[in-house]
Amino acid sequence: MTGRFIAIVGPSGVGKDSVMVALAARDPSLALVRRVITRPGDAGGEDFDGVNEAQFHTRAAKGEFALSWPAHGLHYAIPARVADDLAAGKDMLANLSRAALPAAKAQFDPFMVIQLTADHKVLAERLAARGRETAADIARRLRRADYALPEGIDAVTIDNSADLDETVERILCLLYPVRA
């Protein structure tokens, strides 16, 4: 049995990482993909492996990544070992950039996309609260919030403007309708 690669996408501040952590906490059949990012490891936010640019490119050249992409001046990657978890039947949740979806769809089967949305006011509050971006950075991210998914990518859209538990329950019913 092969597990599903489940991409969680949406604008900055929509709560992708919070939703993913809550999903994995509620259902042990779900696991989180730990991304590699060219950001200092102590930058806060999600649980990730921080590397510098040279380390990232060396690891990419060695084939250590199943998928990689640039976004917001950083480089992101999904480690190749995710294939082992999928082969073992584990459903894997990964925070992806919308631009990386076509490559992910070509790489993983079965592949599913959950697109989280939230009210712009909620997004602005969440971005400000995490303290990683300047006001100009936040404004730039909010302008990108409504970008469409790439051509050929189907997604289920879930609003995450309010209660995290409600969002998690809706996603679990979507992923495992037999259990609902």
N, C-alpha and C. Protein backbone atom coordinates (compact mmCIF):
# COMPACT_ATOMS: atom_id res chain seq x y z
N MET A 1 0.84 -1.19 0.00
CA MET A 1 0.00 0.00 0.00
C MET A 1 0.88 1.24 0.00
N THR A 2 0.54 2.19 -0.83
CA THR A 2 1.30 3.42 -0.91
C THR A 2 0.53 4.54 -0.22
N GLY A 3 1.24 5.32 0.59
CA GLY A 3 0.63 6.46 1.25
C GLY A 3 0.44 7.61 0.28
N ARG A 4 -0.40 8.54 0.67
CA ARG A 4 -0.65 9.73 -0.13
C ARG A 4 0.31 10.85 0.24
N PHE A 5 0.78 11.56 -0.77
CA PHE A 5 1.53 12.79 -0.55
C PHE A 5 0.49 13.90 -0.59
N ILE A 6 0.28 14.53 0.55
CA ILE A 6 -0.78 15.55 0.67
C ILE A 6 -0.12 16.91 0.82
N ALA A 7 -0.22 17.71 -0.23
CA ALA A 7 0.34 19.06 -0.21
C ALA A 7 -0.65 20.01 0.44
N ILE A 8 -0.16 20.76 1.41
CA ILE A 8 -0.95 21.80 2.05
C ILE A 8 -0.40 23.12 1.53
N VAL A 9 -1.27 23.89 0.88
CA VAL A 9 -0.84 25.15 0.27
C VAL A 9 -1.76 26.27 0.71
N GLY A 10 -1.28 27.48 0.50
CA GLY A 10 -2.07 28.66 0.81
C GLY A 10 -1.12 29.82 1.08
N PRO A 11 -1.68 30.99 1.21
CA PRO A 11 -0.85 32.17 1.40
C PRO A 11 -0.15 32.17 2.76
N SER A 12 0.90 32.95 2.86
CA SER A 12 1.59 33.12 4.13
C SER A 12 0.61 33.61 5.18
N GLY A 13 0.69 33.02 6.37
CA GLY A 13 -0.18 33.42 7.46
C GLY A 13 -1.49 32.67 7.53
N VAL A 14 -1.75 31.78 6.58
CA VAL A 14 -3.03 31.07 6.57
C VAL A 14 -3.08 29.96 7.62
N GLY A 15 -1.93 29.58 8.15
CA GLY A 15 -1.90 28.58 9.21
C GLY A 15 -1.57 27.18 8.74
N LYS A 16 -0.84 27.07 7.64
CA LYS A 16 -0.50 25.75 7.10
C LYS A 16 0.19 24.86 8.14
N ASP A 17 1.22 25.38 8.76
CA ASP A 17 1.97 24.57 9.71
C ASP A 17 1.14 24.24 10.95
N SER A 18 0.37 25.17 11.45
CA SER A 18 -0.50 24.90 12.61
C SER A 18 -1.51 23.81 12.28
N VAL A 19 -2.10 23.88 11.10
CA VAL A 19 -3.08 22.87 10.69
C VAL A 19 -2.40 21.52 10.55
N MET A 20 -1.23 21.48 9.94
CA MET A 20 -0.54 20.21 9.74
C MET A 20 -0.16 19.56 11.07
N VAL A 21 0.36 20.34 11.99
CA VAL A 21 0.75 19.80 13.30
C VAL A 21 -0.49 19.27 14.02
N ALA A 22 -1.59 20.02 13.96
CA ALA A 22 -2.82 19.58 14.62
C ALA A 22 -3.37 18.31 13.97
N LEU A 23 -3.29 18.21 12.66
CA LEU A 23 -3.74 16.99 11.97
C LEU A 23 -2.93 15.78 12.41
N ALA A 24 -1.60 15.92 12.42
CA ALA A 24 -0.74 14.80 12.82
C ALA A 24 -0.95 14.42 14.28
N ALA A 25 -1.25 15.40 15.13
CA ALA A 25 -1.51 15.12 16.54
C ALA A 25 -2.82 14.35 16.72
N ARG A 26 -3.80 14.65 15.88
CA ARG A 26 -5.10 14.00 15.99
C ARG A 26 -5.14 12.62 15.34
N ASP A 27 -4.29 12.39 14.33
CA ASP A 27 -4.37 11.14 13.60
C ASP A 27 -2.97 10.57 13.35
N PRO A 28 -2.63 9.48 14.02
CA PRO A 28 -1.28 8.92 13.88
C PRO A 28 -0.99 8.33 12.49
N SER A 29 -2.00 8.21 11.64
CA SER A 29 -1.73 7.71 10.28
C SER A 29 -1.19 8.82 9.38
N LEU A 30 -1.13 10.04 9.91
CA LEU A 30 -0.57 11.18 9.18
C LEU A 30 0.79 11.54 9.76
N ALA A 31 1.72 11.87 8.89
CA ALA A 31 3.05 12.30 9.33
C ALA A 31 3.43 13.58 8.59
N LEU A 32 4.30 14.34 9.22
CA LEU A 32 4.75 15.61 8.64
C LEU A 32 6.06 15.43 7.90
N VAL A 33 6.15 16.04 6.73
CA VAL A 33 7.41 16.08 6.00
C VAL A 33 8.21 17.26 6.57
N ARG A 34 9.40 16.98 7.00
CA ARG A 34 10.29 18.03 7.54
C ARG A 34 11.08 18.62 6.38
N ARG A 35 10.78 19.87 6.05
CA ARG A 35 11.43 20.51 4.91
C ARG A 35 12.85 20.97 5.26
N VAL A 36 13.64 21.12 4.21
CA VAL A 36 14.97 21.72 4.31
C VAL A 36 14.83 23.12 3.73
N ILE A 37 15.30 24.14 4.48
CA ILE A 37 15.11 25.53 4.05
C ILE A 37 16.41 26.30 4.28
N THR A 38 16.74 27.18 3.35
CA THR A 38 17.91 28.04 3.52
C THR A 38 17.52 29.22 4.42
N ARG A 39 17.29 28.88 5.66
CA ARG A 39 16.93 29.86 6.69
C ARG A 39 17.62 29.38 7.97
N PRO A 40 18.06 30.29 8.83
CA PRO A 40 18.67 29.83 10.08
C PRO A 40 17.72 28.92 10.85
N GLY A 41 18.26 27.85 11.40
CA GLY A 41 17.47 26.86 12.11
C GLY A 41 16.71 27.40 13.30
N ASP A 42 17.15 28.53 13.84
CA ASP A 42 16.48 29.11 15.01
C ASP A 42 15.52 30.24 14.61
N ALA A 43 15.10 30.27 13.33
CA ALA A 43 14.24 31.36 12.84
C ALA A 43 12.82 31.26 13.38
N GLY A 44 12.47 30.14 13.96
CA GLY A 44 11.12 30.00 14.51
C GLY A 44 10.14 29.52 13.47
N GLY A 45 8.89 29.37 13.92
CA GLY A 45 7.84 28.89 13.02
C GLY A 45 7.85 27.38 12.96
N GLU A 46 7.79 26.84 11.78
CA GLU A 46 7.70 25.39 11.59
C GLU A 46 8.98 24.67 12.01
N ASP A 47 8.88 23.38 12.14
CA ASP A 47 10.01 22.52 12.43
C ASP A 47 10.67 22.18 11.09
N PHE A 48 11.90 22.62 10.87
CA PHE A 48 12.57 22.42 9.59
C PHE A 48 14.06 22.25 9.82
N ASP A 49 14.76 21.81 8.78
CA ASP A 49 16.21 21.72 8.82
C ASP A 49 16.77 22.96 8.13
N GLY A 50 17.41 23.83 8.89
CA GLY A 50 17.99 25.03 8.34
C GLY A 50 19.38 24.77 7.80
N VAL A 51 19.63 25.23 6.60
CA VAL A 51 20.94 25.08 5.96
C VAL A 51 21.30 26.39 5.26
N ASN A 52 22.58 26.54 4.96
CA ASN A 52 22.97 27.71 4.15
C ASN A 52 22.86 27.34 2.67
N GLU A 53 23.04 28.31 1.81
CA GLU A 53 22.89 28.09 0.35
C GLU A 53 23.84 27.01 -0.16
N ALA A 54 25.11 27.06 0.27
CA ALA A 54 26.08 26.08 -0.22
C ALA A 54 25.69 24.66 0.20
N GLN A 55 25.26 24.51 1.44
CA GLN A 55 24.84 23.19 1.91
C GLN A 55 23.62 22.70 1.11
N PHE A 56 22.69 23.60 0.87
CA PHE A 56 21.49 23.24 0.11
C PHE A 56 21.87 22.72 -1.27
N HIS A 57 22.70 23.47 -1.97
CA HIS A 57 23.06 23.09 -3.35
C HIS A 57 23.90 21.81 -3.37
N THR A 58 24.73 21.61 -2.36
CA THR A 58 25.50 20.36 -2.28
C THR A 58 24.57 19.18 -2.09
N ARG A 59 23.61 19.33 -1.19
CA ARG A 59 22.66 18.24 -0.94
C ARG A 59 21.80 17.97 -2.17
N ALA A 60 21.41 19.02 -2.87
CA ALA A 60 20.63 18.85 -4.09
C ALA A 60 21.44 18.09 -5.14
N ALA A 61 22.70 18.45 -5.28
CA ALA A 61 23.57 17.79 -6.27
C ALA A 61 23.78 16.31 -5.93
N LYS A 62 23.71 15.96 -4.65
CA LYS A 62 23.87 14.57 -4.22
C LYS A 62 22.57 13.78 -4.35
N GLY A 63 21.49 14.43 -4.78
CA GLY A 63 20.22 13.75 -4.95
C GLY A 63 19.45 13.53 -3.66
N GLU A 64 19.72 14.34 -2.66
CA GLU A 64 19.07 14.17 -1.36
C GLU A 64 17.65 14.72 -1.30
N PHE A 65 17.20 15.37 -2.37
CA PHE A 65 15.87 15.97 -2.37
C PHE A 65 14.97 15.32 -3.42
N ALA A 66 13.74 15.04 -3.03
CA ALA A 66 12.74 14.57 -3.98
C ALA A 66 12.17 15.73 -4.77
N LEU A 67 12.22 16.91 -4.17
CA LEU A 67 11.60 18.10 -4.76
C LEU A 67 12.26 19.32 -4.14
N SER A 68 12.53 20.34 -4.94
CA SER A 68 13.05 21.61 -4.40
C SER A 68 12.54 22.76 -5.24
N TRP A 69 12.49 23.95 -4.61
CA TRP A 69 11.98 25.13 -5.30
C TRP A 69 12.44 26.38 -4.56
N PRO A 70 12.53 27.50 -5.29
CA PRO A 70 12.83 28.78 -4.64
C PRO A 70 11.53 29.55 -4.36
N ALA A 71 11.53 30.31 -3.27
CA ALA A 71 10.39 31.17 -2.95
C ALA A 71 10.83 32.21 -1.93
N HIS A 72 10.41 33.43 -2.14
CA HIS A 72 10.65 34.51 -1.18
C HIS A 72 12.14 34.67 -0.83
N GLY A 73 13.02 34.47 -1.80
CA GLY A 73 14.45 34.64 -1.58
C GLY A 73 15.11 33.48 -0.85
N LEU A 74 14.39 32.39 -0.64
CA LEU A 74 14.93 31.21 0.04
C LEU A 74 14.81 30.00 -0.88
N HIS A 75 15.45 28.91 -0.49
CA HIS A 75 15.31 27.64 -1.20
C HIS A 75 14.68 26.64 -0.24
N TYR A 76 13.76 25.84 -0.76
CA TYR A 76 13.03 24.85 0.02
C TYR A 76 13.19 23.49 -0.64
N ALA A 77 13.14 22.43 0.17
CA ALA A 77 13.23 21.08 -0.39
C ALA A 77 12.47 20.08 0.46
N ILE A 78 12.01 19.04 -0.22
CA ILE A 78 11.41 17.87 0.41
C ILE A 78 12.48 16.77 0.32
N PRO A 79 12.92 16.22 1.47
CA PRO A 79 13.95 15.18 1.44
C PRO A 79 13.49 13.95 0.66
N ALA A 80 14.42 13.31 -0.02
CA ALA A 80 14.12 12.12 -0.82
C ALA A 80 13.61 10.97 0.04
N ARG A 81 13.96 10.95 1.33
CA ARG A 81 13.52 9.85 2.21
C ARG A 81 12.01 9.81 2.40
N VAL A 82 11.29 10.83 1.96
CA VAL A 82 9.82 10.80 2.05
C VAL A 82 9.28 9.60 1.26
N ALA A 83 10.00 9.18 0.24
CA ALA A 83 9.57 8.03 -0.56
C ALA A 83 9.47 6.77 0.29
N ASP A 84 10.35 6.62 1.28
CA ASP A 84 10.30 5.45 2.17
C ASP A 84 9.03 5.45 3.01
N ASP A 85 8.66 6.61 3.54
CA ASP A 85 7.44 6.74 4.34
C ASP A 85 6.21 6.45 3.49
N LEU A 86 6.19 6.98 2.28
CA LEU A 86 5.07 6.74 1.38
C LEU A 86 4.96 5.26 1.02
N ALA A 87 6.11 4.63 0.74
CA ALA A 87 6.13 3.21 0.40
C ALA A 87 5.64 2.34 1.56
N ALA A 88 5.84 2.84 2.79
CA ALA A 88 5.38 2.12 3.97
C ALA A 88 3.89 2.36 4.25
N GLY A 89 3.23 3.13 3.37
CA GLY A 89 1.80 3.36 3.51
C GLY A 89 1.42 4.56 4.34
N LYS A 90 2.39 5.37 4.72
CA LYS A 90 2.13 6.55 5.55
C LYS A 90 1.62 7.69 4.67
N ASP A 91 0.55 8.36 5.09
CA ASP A 91 0.10 9.59 4.42
C ASP A 91 0.97 10.73 4.94
N MET A 92 1.60 11.45 4.03
CA MET A 92 2.56 12.49 4.39
C MET A 92 2.02 13.87 4.06
N LEU A 93 2.06 14.77 5.05
CA LEU A 93 1.62 16.15 4.88
C LEU A 93 2.83 17.03 4.62
N ALA A 94 2.78 17.84 3.57
CA ALA A 94 3.90 18.71 3.24
C ALA A 94 3.41 20.11 2.92
N ASN A 95 4.05 21.09 3.50
CA ASN A 95 3.80 22.50 3.22
C ASN A 95 4.55 22.83 1.93
N LEU A 96 3.80 23.09 0.86
CA LEU A 96 4.42 23.39 -0.43
C LEU A 96 4.05 24.77 -0.92
N SER A 97 4.90 25.30 -1.75
CA SER A 97 4.60 26.52 -2.50
C SER A 97 3.66 26.14 -3.64
N ARG A 98 2.75 27.04 -3.95
CA ARG A 98 1.84 26.77 -5.08
C ARG A 98 2.62 26.53 -6.36
N ALA A 99 3.74 27.23 -6.53
CA ALA A 99 4.55 27.08 -7.75
C ALA A 99 5.20 25.69 -7.85
N ALA A 100 5.36 25.01 -6.73
CA ALA A 100 6.00 23.69 -6.73
C ALA A 100 5.01 22.56 -7.00
N LEU A 101 3.73 22.86 -7.08
CA LEU A 101 2.72 21.82 -7.22
C LEU A 101 2.85 20.98 -8.50
N PRO A 102 3.08 21.57 -9.67
CA PRO A 102 3.21 20.71 -10.86
C PRO A 102 4.34 19.68 -10.74
N ALA A 103 5.48 20.09 -10.19
CA ALA A 103 6.60 19.16 -10.02
C ALA A 103 6.24 18.09 -8.99
N ALA A 104 5.54 18.48 -7.93
CA ALA A 104 5.12 17.51 -6.90
C ALA A 104 4.13 16.51 -7.49
N LYS A 105 3.21 17.00 -8.29
CA LYS A 105 2.22 16.12 -8.92
C LYS A 105 2.91 15.09 -9.81
N ALA A 106 3.95 15.52 -10.53
CA ALA A 106 4.70 14.61 -11.40
C ALA A 106 5.53 13.62 -10.60
N GLN A 107 5.93 13.99 -9.40
CA GLN A 107 6.82 13.17 -8.56
C GLN A 107 6.09 12.14 -7.70
N PHE A 108 4.91 12.51 -7.19
CA PHE A 108 4.24 11.67 -6.20
C PHE A 108 2.88 11.18 -6.69
N ASP A 109 2.62 9.90 -6.41
CA ASP A 109 1.33 9.30 -6.76
C ASP A 109 1.02 8.23 -5.72
N PRO A 110 -0.07 8.35 -5.00
CA PRO A 110 -1.13 9.35 -5.12
C PRO A 110 -0.73 10.71 -4.54
N PHE A 111 -1.31 11.75 -5.12
CA PHE A 111 -1.00 13.14 -4.79
C PHE A 111 -2.31 13.88 -4.57
N MET A 112 -2.36 14.68 -3.53
CA MET A 112 -3.57 15.43 -3.20
C MET A 112 -3.17 16.83 -2.74
N VAL A 113 -4.01 17.83 -3.05
CA VAL A 113 -3.74 19.20 -2.64
C VAL A 113 -4.90 19.73 -1.81
N ILE A 114 -4.56 20.26 -0.64
CA ILE A 114 -5.53 20.97 0.20
C ILE A 114 -5.07 22.42 0.24
N GLN A 115 -5.92 23.28 -0.26
CA GLN A 115 -5.61 24.71 -0.30
C GLN A 115 -6.33 25.41 0.85
N LEU A 116 -5.56 25.97 1.77
CA LEU A 116 -6.15 26.71 2.88
C LEU A 116 -6.31 28.17 2.48
N THR A 117 -7.41 28.77 2.91
CA THR A 117 -7.66 30.19 2.68
C THR A 117 -8.02 30.83 4.02
N ALA A 118 -7.97 32.14 4.05
CA ALA A 118 -8.41 32.90 5.24
C ALA A 118 -8.67 34.33 4.80
N ASP A 119 -9.47 35.01 5.57
CA ASP A 119 -9.77 36.42 5.35
C ASP A 119 -8.47 37.23 5.38
N HIS A 120 -8.36 38.25 4.53
CA HIS A 120 -7.13 39.06 4.46
C HIS A 120 -6.78 39.71 5.79
N LYS A 121 -7.77 40.12 6.55
CA LYS A 121 -7.51 40.73 7.86
C LYS A 121 -6.87 39.70 8.79
N VAL A 122 -7.38 38.49 8.76
CA VAL A 122 -6.82 37.40 9.57
C VAL A 122 -5.38 37.12 9.14
N LEU A 123 -5.14 37.07 7.84
CA LEU A 123 -3.78 36.84 7.34
C LEU A 123 -2.82 37.91 7.84
N ALA A 124 -3.23 39.17 7.74
CA ALA A 124 -2.38 40.28 8.17
C ALA A 124 -2.06 40.17 9.66
N GLU A 125 -3.04 39.84 10.46
CA GLU A 125 -2.83 39.70 11.92
C GLU A 125 -1.85 38.57 12.21
N ARG A 126 -2.03 37.45 11.54
CA ARG A 126 -1.15 36.30 11.78
C ARG A 126 0.28 36.59 11.34
N LEU A 127 0.44 37.24 10.19
CA LEU A 127 1.79 37.57 9.72
C LEU A 127 2.48 38.53 10.68
N ALA A 128 1.76 39.52 11.16
CA ALA A 128 2.34 40.47 12.11
C ALA A 128 2.72 39.77 13.42
N ALA A 129 1.89 38.84 13.86
CA ALA A 129 2.13 38.15 15.13
C ALA A 129 3.37 37.25 15.10
N ARG A 130 3.69 36.70 13.94
CA ARG A 130 4.85 35.81 13.91
C ARG A 130 6.17 36.58 13.91
N GLY A 131 6.14 37.87 13.58
CA GLY A 131 7.30 38.72 13.75
C GLY A 131 8.48 38.46 12.84
N ARG A 132 8.29 37.79 11.72
CA ARG A 132 9.41 37.50 10.81
C ARG A 132 9.52 38.51 9.68
N GLU A 133 8.43 39.23 9.38
CA GLU A 133 8.43 40.12 8.22
C GLU A 133 8.21 41.57 8.63
N THR A 134 8.72 42.45 7.79
CA THR A 134 8.46 43.88 7.97
C THR A 134 7.05 44.18 7.45
N ALA A 135 6.58 45.39 7.71
CA ALA A 135 5.26 45.80 7.21
C ALA A 135 5.22 45.71 5.68
N ALA A 136 6.32 46.09 5.03
CA ALA A 136 6.38 46.01 3.56
C ALA A 136 6.33 44.55 3.09
N ASP A 137 7.03 43.67 3.82
CA ASP A 137 7.00 42.24 3.48
C ASP A 137 5.59 41.68 3.62
N ILE A 138 4.91 42.08 4.69
CA ILE A 138 3.54 41.61 4.93
C ILE A 138 2.62 42.09 3.81
N ALA A 139 2.74 43.34 3.42
CA ALA A 139 1.91 43.87 2.33
C ALA A 139 2.17 43.10 1.03
N ARG A 140 3.43 42.77 0.77
CA ARG A 140 3.79 42.02 -0.44
C ARG A 140 3.17 40.61 -0.37
N ARG A 141 3.22 39.98 0.76
CA ARG A 141 2.65 38.64 0.91
C ARG A 141 1.13 38.67 0.77
N LEU A 142 0.50 39.70 1.29
CA LEU A 142 -0.95 39.82 1.17
C LEU A 142 -1.38 40.01 -0.29
N ARG A 143 -0.56 40.70 -1.07
CA ARG A 143 -0.88 40.88 -2.50
C ARG A 143 -0.83 39.55 -3.24
N ARG A 144 -0.03 38.61 -2.75
CA ARG A 144 0.10 37.29 -3.38
C ARG A 144 -0.94 36.30 -2.87
N ALA A 145 -1.70 36.66 -1.86
CA ALA A 145 -2.59 35.73 -1.16
C ALA A 145 -3.62 35.07 -2.09
N ASP A 146 -4.07 35.78 -3.08
CA ASP A 146 -5.14 35.24 -3.94
C ASP A 146 -4.64 34.67 -5.26
N TYR A 147 -3.33 34.43 -5.37
CA TYR A 147 -2.80 33.85 -6.60
C TYR A 147 -3.48 32.50 -6.85
N ALA A 148 -3.76 32.25 -8.10
CA ALA A 148 -4.40 30.99 -8.49
C ALA A 148 -3.40 29.84 -8.45
N LEU A 149 -3.94 28.66 -8.34
CA LEU A 149 -3.09 27.47 -8.44
C LEU A 149 -2.65 27.29 -9.89
N PRO A 150 -1.53 26.64 -10.10
CA PRO A 150 -1.07 26.39 -11.48
C PRO A 150 -2.08 25.57 -12.27
N GLU A 151 -2.04 25.73 -13.57
CA GLU A 151 -2.90 24.96 -14.49
C GLU A 151 -2.73 23.47 -14.24
N GLY A 152 -3.86 22.76 -14.23
CA GLY A 152 -3.84 21.31 -14.08
C GLY A 152 -3.77 20.80 -12.65
N ILE A 153 -3.81 21.70 -11.70
CA ILE A 153 -3.76 21.29 -10.29
C ILE A 153 -5.17 21.41 -9.69
N ASP A 154 -5.67 20.27 -9.23
CA ASP A 154 -6.97 20.24 -8.55
C ASP A 154 -6.72 20.28 -7.06
N ALA A 155 -7.55 21.04 -6.35
CA ALA A 155 -7.40 21.15 -4.90
C ALA A 155 -8.75 21.23 -4.24
N VAL A 156 -8.79 20.83 -2.99
CA VAL A 156 -9.94 21.05 -2.13
C VAL A 156 -9.62 22.28 -1.31
N THR A 157 -10.52 23.25 -1.30
CA THR A 157 -10.29 24.51 -0.58
C THR A 157 -11.01 24.48 0.76
N ILE A 158 -10.26 24.81 1.82
CA ILE A 158 -10.78 24.85 3.18
C ILE A 158 -10.46 26.22 3.77
N ASP A 159 -11.49 26.90 4.30
CA ASP A 159 -11.28 28.19 4.95
C ASP A 159 -10.75 27.97 6.36
N ASN A 160 -9.64 28.61 6.70
CA ASN A 160 -9.04 28.51 8.02
C ASN A 160 -9.01 29.87 8.71
N SER A 161 -10.07 30.63 8.55
CA SER A 161 -10.13 31.96 9.18
C SER A 161 -10.43 31.89 10.66
N ALA A 162 -11.05 30.83 11.11
CA ALA A 162 -11.54 30.81 12.49
C ALA A 162 -10.91 29.69 13.30
N ASP A 163 -11.71 28.76 13.74
CA ASP A 163 -11.32 27.74 14.70
C ASP A 163 -10.45 26.64 14.09
N LEU A 164 -9.26 26.44 14.65
CA LEU A 164 -8.34 25.42 14.16
C LEU A 164 -8.95 24.01 14.26
N ASP A 165 -9.61 23.72 15.37
CA ASP A 165 -10.21 22.39 15.53
C ASP A 165 -11.25 22.09 14.46
N GLU A 166 -12.01 23.10 14.08
CA GLU A 166 -13.01 22.92 13.02
C GLU A 166 -12.33 22.63 11.68
N THR A 167 -11.27 23.36 11.39
CA THR A 167 -10.52 23.12 10.16
C THR A 167 -9.96 21.71 10.14
N VAL A 168 -9.37 21.28 11.24
CA VAL A 168 -8.79 19.94 11.34
C VAL A 168 -9.87 18.88 11.13
N GLU A 169 -11.01 19.05 11.75
CA GLU A 169 -12.10 18.07 11.61
C GLU A 169 -12.57 17.99 10.16
N ARG A 170 -12.69 19.12 9.49
CA ARG A 170 -13.12 19.12 8.09
C ARG A 170 -12.11 18.39 7.21
N ILE A 171 -10.84 18.60 7.47
CA ILE A 171 -9.81 17.94 6.66
C ILE A 171 -9.78 16.44 6.95
N LEU A 172 -9.90 16.05 8.20
CA LEU A 172 -9.91 14.61 8.52
C LEU A 172 -11.11 13.92 7.86
N CYS A 173 -12.26 14.57 7.84
CA CYS A 173 -13.44 13.99 7.15
C CYS A 173 -13.18 13.87 5.65
N LEU A 174 -12.48 14.82 5.10
CA LEU A 174 -12.11 14.79 3.68
C LEU A 174 -11.13 13.64 3.39
N LEU A 175 -10.12 13.51 4.23
CA LEU A 175 -9.08 12.49 4.01
C LEU A 175 -9.59 11.08 4.27
N TYR A 176 -10.45 10.93 5.26
CA TYR A 176 -10.91 9.61 5.68
C TYR A 176 -12.44 9.61 5.80
N PRO A 177 -13.15 9.70 4.67
CA PRO A 177 -14.62 9.81 4.72
C PRO A 177 -15.30 8.58 5.35
N VAL A 178 -14.67 7.43 5.29
CA VAL A 178 -15.25 6.21 5.86
C VAL A 178 -15.35 6.33 7.39
N ARG A 179 -14.39 7.04 7.98
CA ARG A 179 -14.37 7.21 9.43
C ARG A 179 -15.40 8.23 9.91
N ALA A 180 -15.79 9.15 9.03
CA ALA A 180 -16.65 10.28 9.44
C ALA A 180 -18.02 9.83 9.91
